[in-house]
Amino acid sequence: MDIKNLTHDQLVEKIENANPLELCIINHLLLIQNVDNAIDAPASSPEMSKALEKAKACLAVLFETLDMDVELSDDLAIMYLIINRVLIRVEFLEDNEEKNQNLNHARHIVSEMMSSWVFLHENADYLAKQAESGQIIAGLTYGADGQLTEFEDYDPKGGYEI
């Protein structure tokens, strides 16, 4: 989903017609766009401050939409708070290189999180069918000791709330 080249009216229309998952993705995209704007602006400039305020507003919306009854929301809340802390810290940095290093780190985190939401969006139908079928989901993961281990999930919904 590309929002950079949309007019204001096109973006409003996309938001009005979006489902909750698409709204989450759009918010992440807007957050990334505002972090990029802050990267492009000189340190301690009004342009940087404006971009950071918009980025923090996007984070606030993402934070407010979390369902804290879902276990994953705790982890997402922590990530959003870490990103917000970076954005606040950057406001006080005078050095462009240090500012950009921090903002690029925050941007990377947001991009990775957004990639997960995009994956869920692109595979929603498949995941819903898997959850309905009650099939066992199995795979490989790394344990705390760094060893590759197998796992099986007997959850009929496959761990996804649909």
C-alpha atoms as a PDB file:
ATOM      1  CA  MET A   1       0.000   0.000   0.000  1.00  0.00           C
ATOM      2  CA  ASP A   2       1.606   3.245  -1.142  1.00  0.00           C
ATOM      3  CA  ILE A   3       0.324   6.458   0.429  1.00  0.00           C
ATOM      4  CA  LYS A   4       3.156   8.846  -0.413  1.00  0.00           C
ATOM      5  CA  ASN A   5       1.762   9.770  -3.827  1.00  0.00           C
ATOM      6  CA  LEU A   6      -1.854  10.128  -2.733  1.00  0.00           C
ATOM      7  CA  THR A   7      -3.582  13.489  -2.577  1.00  0.00           C
ATOM      8  CA  HIS A   8      -5.221  14.479   0.684  1.00  0.00           C
ATOM      9  CA  ASP A   9      -8.658  13.551  -0.672  1.00  0.00           C
ATOM     10  CA  GLN A  10      -7.420  10.164  -1.914  1.00  0.00           C
ATOM     11  CA  LEU A  11      -5.886   9.424   1.487  1.00  0.00           C
ATOM     12  CA  VAL A  12      -9.116  10.404   3.263  1.00  0.00           C
ATOM     13  CA  GLU A  13     -11.073   8.112   0.930  1.00  0.00           C
ATOM     14  CA  LYS A  14      -8.645   5.242   1.552  1.00  0.00           C
ATOM     15  CA  ILE A  15      -9.002   5.737   5.321  1.00  0.00           C
ATOM     16  CA  GLU A  16     -12.804   5.943   5.136  1.00  0.00           C
ATOM     17  CA  ASN A  17     -12.969   2.650   3.213  1.00  0.00           C
ATOM     18  CA  ALA A  18     -10.325   0.778   5.224  1.00  0.00           C
ATOM     19  CA  ASN A  19     -10.968  -2.135   7.535  1.00  0.00           C
ATOM     20  CA  PRO A  20      -9.252  -2.123  10.981  1.00  0.00           C
ATOM     21  CA  LEU A  21      -6.184  -3.995   9.723  1.00  0.00           C
ATOM     22  CA  GLU A  22      -5.789  -1.619   6.781  1.00  0.00           C
ATOM     23  CA  LEU A  23      -6.105   1.343   9.171  1.00  0.00           C
ATOM     24  CA  CYS A  24      -3.295  -0.123  11.256  1.00  0.00           C
ATOM     25  CA  ILE A  25      -1.118  -0.421   8.144  1.00  0.00           C
ATOM     26  CA  ILE A  26      -1.958   3.123   7.027  1.00  0.00           C
ATOM     27  CA  ASN A  27      -1.029   4.431  10.477  1.00  0.00           C
ATOM     28  CA  HIS A  28       2.313   2.623  10.333  1.00  0.00           C
ATOM     29  CA  LEU A  29       2.915   4.060   6.853  1.00  0.00           C
ATOM     30  CA  LEU A  30       2.116   7.578   8.078  1.00  0.00           C
ATOM     31  CA  LEU A  31       4.426   7.040  11.048  1.00  0.00           C
ATOM     32  CA  ILE A  32       7.245   5.971   8.720  1.00  0.00           C
ATOM     33  CA  GLN A  33       6.577   8.917   6.403  1.00  0.00           C
ATOM     34  CA  ASN A  34       6.812  11.355   9.327  1.00  0.00           C
ATOM     35  CA  VAL A  35       9.993   9.735  10.643  1.00  0.00           C
ATOM     36  CA  ASP A  36      11.438  10.078   7.126  1.00  0.00           C
ATOM     37  CA  ASN A  37      10.457  13.762   7.146  1.00  0.00           C
ATOM     38  CA  ALA A  38      12.239  14.191  10.489  1.00  0.00           C
ATOM     39  CA  ILE A  39      15.336  12.466   9.072  1.00  0.00           C
ATOM     40  CA  ASP A  40      15.336  14.872   6.112  1.00  0.00           C
ATOM     41  CA  ALA A  41      15.017  17.942   8.358  1.00  0.00           C
ATOM     42  CA  PRO A  42      17.974  19.556  10.118  1.00  0.00           C
ATOM     43  CA  ALA A  43      18.388  18.721  13.818  1.00  0.00           C
ATOM     44  CA  SER A  44      16.479  21.016  16.190  1.00  0.00           C
ATOM     45  CA  SER A  45      14.600  22.691  13.325  1.00  0.00           C
ATOM     46  CA  PRO A  46      10.890  23.567  13.292  1.00  0.00           C
ATOM     47  CA  GLU A  47      10.440  21.138  10.370  1.00  0.00           C
ATOM     48  CA  MET A  48      11.904  18.304  12.432  1.00  0.00           C
ATOM     49  CA  SER A  49       9.731  19.175  15.435  1.00  0.00           C
ATOM     50  CA  LYS A  50       6.591  19.210  13.270  1.00  0.00           C
ATOM     51  CA  ALA A  51       7.440  15.818  11.737  1.00  0.00           C
ATOM     52  CA  LEU A  52       8.163  14.332  15.171  1.00  0.00           C
ATOM     53  CA  GLU A  53       4.862  15.641  16.557  1.00  0.00           C
ATOM     54  CA  LYS A  54       2.992  14.019  13.674  1.00  0.00           C
ATOM     55  CA  ALA A  55       4.910  10.764  14.213  1.00  0.00           C
ATOM     56  CA  LYS A  56       4.050  10.807  17.917  1.00  0.00           C
ATOM     57  CA  ALA A  57       0.392  11.413  17.020  1.00  0.00           C
ATOM     58  CA  CYS A  58       0.468   8.287  14.819  1.00  0.00           C
ATOM     59  CA  LEU A  59       2.003   6.334  17.704  1.00  0.00           C
ATOM     60  CA  ALA A  60      -0.724   7.594  20.044  1.00  0.00           C
ATOM     61  CA  VAL A  61      -3.419   6.324  17.670  1.00  0.00           C
ATOM     62  CA  LEU A  62      -1.697   2.933  17.379  1.00  0.00           C
ATOM     63  CA  PHE A  63      -1.359   2.741  21.156  1.00  0.00           C
ATOM     64  CA  GLU A  64      -5.001   3.692  21.743  1.00  0.00           C
ATOM     65  CA  THR A  65      -6.274   0.976  19.393  1.00  0.00           C
ATOM     66  CA  LEU A  66      -4.546  -1.845  21.275  1.00  0.00           C
ATOM     67  CA  ASP A  67      -6.841  -4.396  22.888  1.00  0.00           C
ATOM     68  CA  MET A  68      -5.026  -4.975  26.168  1.00  0.00           C
ATOM     69  CA  ASP A  69      -6.998  -8.202  26.716  1.00  0.00           C
ATOM     70  CA  VAL A  70      -4.895  -9.743  23.930  1.00  0.00           C
ATOM     71  CA  GLU A  71      -1.462 -10.869  25.119  1.00  0.00           C
ATOM     72  CA  LEU A  72       0.352  -9.544  22.041  1.00  0.00           C
ATOM     73  CA  SER A  73      -0.866  -6.027  22.855  1.00  0.00           C
ATOM     74  CA  ASP A  74       1.498  -5.854  25.843  1.00  0.00           C
ATOM     75  CA  ASP A  75       4.467  -6.412  23.536  1.00  0.00           C
ATOM     76  CA  LEU A  76       3.176  -3.925  20.965  1.00  0.00           C
ATOM     77  CA  ALA A  77       2.608  -1.322  23.685  1.00  0.00           C
ATOM     78  CA  ILE A  78       6.205  -1.716  24.841  1.00  0.00           C
ATOM     79  CA  MET A  79       7.487  -1.313  21.285  1.00  0.00           C
ATOM     80  CA  TYR A  80       5.359   1.800  20.735  1.00  0.00           C
ATOM     81  CA  LEU A  81       6.624   3.282  24.014  1.00  0.00           C
ATOM     82  CA  ILE A  82      10.243   2.590  23.015  1.00  0.00           C
ATOM     83  CA  ILE A  83       9.705   4.283  19.651  1.00  0.00           C
ATOM     84  CA  ASN A  84       8.014   7.235  21.357  1.00  0.00           C
ATOM     85  CA  ARG A  85      10.962   7.536  23.754  1.00  0.00           C
ATOM     86  CA  VAL A  86      13.357   7.660  20.790  1.00  0.00           C
ATOM     87  CA  LEU A  87      11.258  10.378  19.138  1.00  0.00           C
ATOM     88  CA  ILE A  88      11.257  12.448  22.338  1.00  0.00           C
ATOM     89  CA  ARG A  89      15.008  11.977  22.803  1.00  0.00           C
ATOM     90  CA  VAL A  90      15.728  13.031  19.221  1.00  0.00           C
ATOM     91  CA  GLU A  91      14.031  16.380  19.808  1.00  0.00           C
ATOM     92  CA  PHE A  92      16.912  17.368  22.088  1.00  0.00           C
ATOM     93  CA  LEU A  93      19.774  16.216  19.858  1.00  0.00           C
ATOM     94  CA  GLU A  94      21.847  18.878  18.128  1.00  0.00           C
ATOM     95  CA  ASP A  95      23.955  16.472  16.057  1.00  0.00           C
ATOM     96  CA  ASN A  96      22.388  15.470  12.714  1.00  0.00           C
ATOM     97  CA  GLU A  97      24.293  12.182  12.570  1.00  0.00           C
ATOM     98  CA  GLU A  98      23.144  11.072  16.019  1.00  0.00           C
ATOM     99  CA  LYS A  99      19.581  12.254  15.242  1.00  0.00           C
ATOM    100  CA  ASN A 100      19.510  10.277  11.995  1.00  0.00           C
ATOM    101  CA  GLN A 101      20.991   7.182  13.625  1.00  0.00           C
ATOM    102  CA  ASN A 102      18.231   7.179  16.269  1.00  0.00           C
ATOM    103  CA  LEU A 103      15.478   7.917  13.762  1.00  0.00           C
ATOM    104  CA  ASN A 104      16.696   5.231  11.360  1.00  0.00           C
ATOM    105  CA  HIS A 105      16.623   2.745  14.225  1.00  0.00           C
ATOM    106  CA  ALA A 106      13.034   3.751  15.094  1.00  0.00           C
ATOM    107  CA  ARG A 107      12.077   3.595  11.414  1.00  0.00           C
ATOM    108  CA  HIS A 108      13.499   0.074  11.136  1.00  0.00           C
ATOM    109  CA  ILE A 109      11.449  -1.117  14.114  1.00  0.00           C
ATOM    110  CA  VAL A 110       8.250   0.408  12.721  1.00  0.00           C
ATOM    111  CA  SER A 111       8.945  -1.061   9.267  1.00  0.00           C
ATOM    112  CA  GLU A 112       9.400  -4.538  10.710  1.00  0.00           C
ATOM    113  CA  MET A 113       6.193  -4.246  12.719  1.00  0.00           C
ATOM    114  CA  MET A 114       4.320  -3.005   9.670  1.00  0.00           C
ATOM    115  CA  SER A 115       5.647  -5.907   7.601  1.00  0.00           C
ATOM    116  CA  SER A 116       3.898  -8.273  10.000  1.00  0.00           C
ATOM    117  CA  TRP A 117       0.598  -6.431   9.628  1.00  0.00           C
ATOM    118  CA  VAL A 118       0.974  -6.431   5.841  1.00  0.00           C
ATOM    119  CA  PHE A 119       1.638 -10.186   5.910  1.00  0.00           C
ATOM    120  CA  LEU A 120      -1.514 -10.742   7.971  1.00  0.00           C
ATOM    121  CA  HIS A 121      -3.516  -8.549   5.596  1.00  0.00           C
ATOM    122  CA  GLU A 122      -2.243 -10.326   2.493  1.00  0.00           C
ATOM    123  CA  ASN A 123      -2.866 -13.755   4.015  1.00  0.00           C
ATOM    124  CA  ALA A 124      -6.073 -13.079   5.965  1.00  0.00           C
ATOM    125  CA  ASP A 125      -8.205 -15.462   3.906  1.00  0.00           C
ATOM    126  CA  TYR A 126      -5.686 -18.294   4.181  1.00  0.00           C
ATOM    127  CA  LEU A 127      -5.234 -17.774   7.931  1.00  0.00           C
ATOM    128  CA  ALA A 128      -8.998 -17.712   8.472  1.00  0.00           C
ATOM    129  CA  LYS A 129      -9.381 -21.006   6.585  1.00  0.00           C
ATOM    130  CA  GLN A 130      -6.573 -22.567   8.611  1.00  0.00           C
ATOM    131  CA  ALA A 131      -8.183 -21.434  11.849  1.00  0.00           C
ATOM    132  CA  GLU A 132     -11.567 -22.833  10.800  1.00  0.00           C
ATOM    133  CA  SER A 133     -10.082 -26.183   9.782  1.00  0.00           C
ATOM    134  CA  GLY A 134      -8.414 -26.697  13.161  1.00  0.00           C
ATOM    135  CA  GLN A 135      -5.269 -27.948  11.489  1.00  0.00           C
ATOM    136  CA  ILE A 136      -2.145 -28.281  13.586  1.00  0.00           C
ATOM    137  CA  ILE A 137       0.398 -25.588  12.939  1.00  0.00           C
ATOM    138  CA  ALA A 138       3.947 -26.853  13.242  1.00  0.00           C
ATOM    139  CA  GLY A 139       7.295 -25.303  12.570  1.00  0.00           C
ATOM    140  CA  LEU A 140      10.796 -24.646  13.743  1.00  0.00           C
ATOM    141  CA  THR A 141      12.035 -22.033  16.182  1.00  0.00           C
ATOM    142  CA  TYR A 142      15.204 -21.176  18.045  1.00  0.00           C
ATOM    143  CA  GLY A 143      15.204 -21.861  21.778  1.00  0.00           C
ATOM    144  CA  ALA A 144      16.807 -19.717  24.474  1.00  0.00           C
ATOM    145  CA  ASP A 145      19.971 -21.803  24.107  1.00  0.00           C
ATOM    146  CA  GLY A 146      20.182 -20.971  20.383  1.00  0.00           C
ATOM    147  CA  GLN A 147      19.261 -24.502  19.351  1.00  0.00           C
ATOM    148  CA  LEU A 148      16.737 -25.132  16.596  1.00  0.00           C
ATOM    149  CA  THR A 149      13.649 -26.870  18.004  1.00  0.00           C
ATOM    150  CA  GLU A 150      10.314 -28.041  16.647  1.00  0.00           C
ATOM    151  CA  PHE A 151       6.951 -26.942  17.961  1.00  0.00           C
ATOM    152  CA  GLU A 152       3.361 -27.946  17.463  1.00  0.00           C
ATOM    153  CA  ASP A 153       0.324 -25.813  18.158  1.00  0.00           C
ATOM    154  CA  TYR A 154      -2.887 -27.687  18.840  1.00  0.00           C
ATOM    155  CA  ASP A 155      -4.892 -24.479  19.209  1.00  0.00           C
ATOM    156  CA  PRO A 156      -7.866 -24.874  16.847  1.00  0.00           C
ATOM    157  CA  LYS A 157      -7.580 -21.224  15.886  1.00  0.00           C
ATOM    158  CA  GLY A 158      -3.851 -21.561  15.262  1.00  0.00           C
ATOM    159  CA  GLY A 159      -3.060 -18.790  17.737  1.00  0.00           C
ATOM    160  CA  TYR A 160      -4.884 -16.129  15.724  1.00  0.00           C
ATOM    161  CA  GLU A 161      -7.968 -14.335  16.938  1.00  0.00           C
ATOM    162  CA  ILE A 162     -10.266 -14.194  13.938  1.00  0.00           C
END
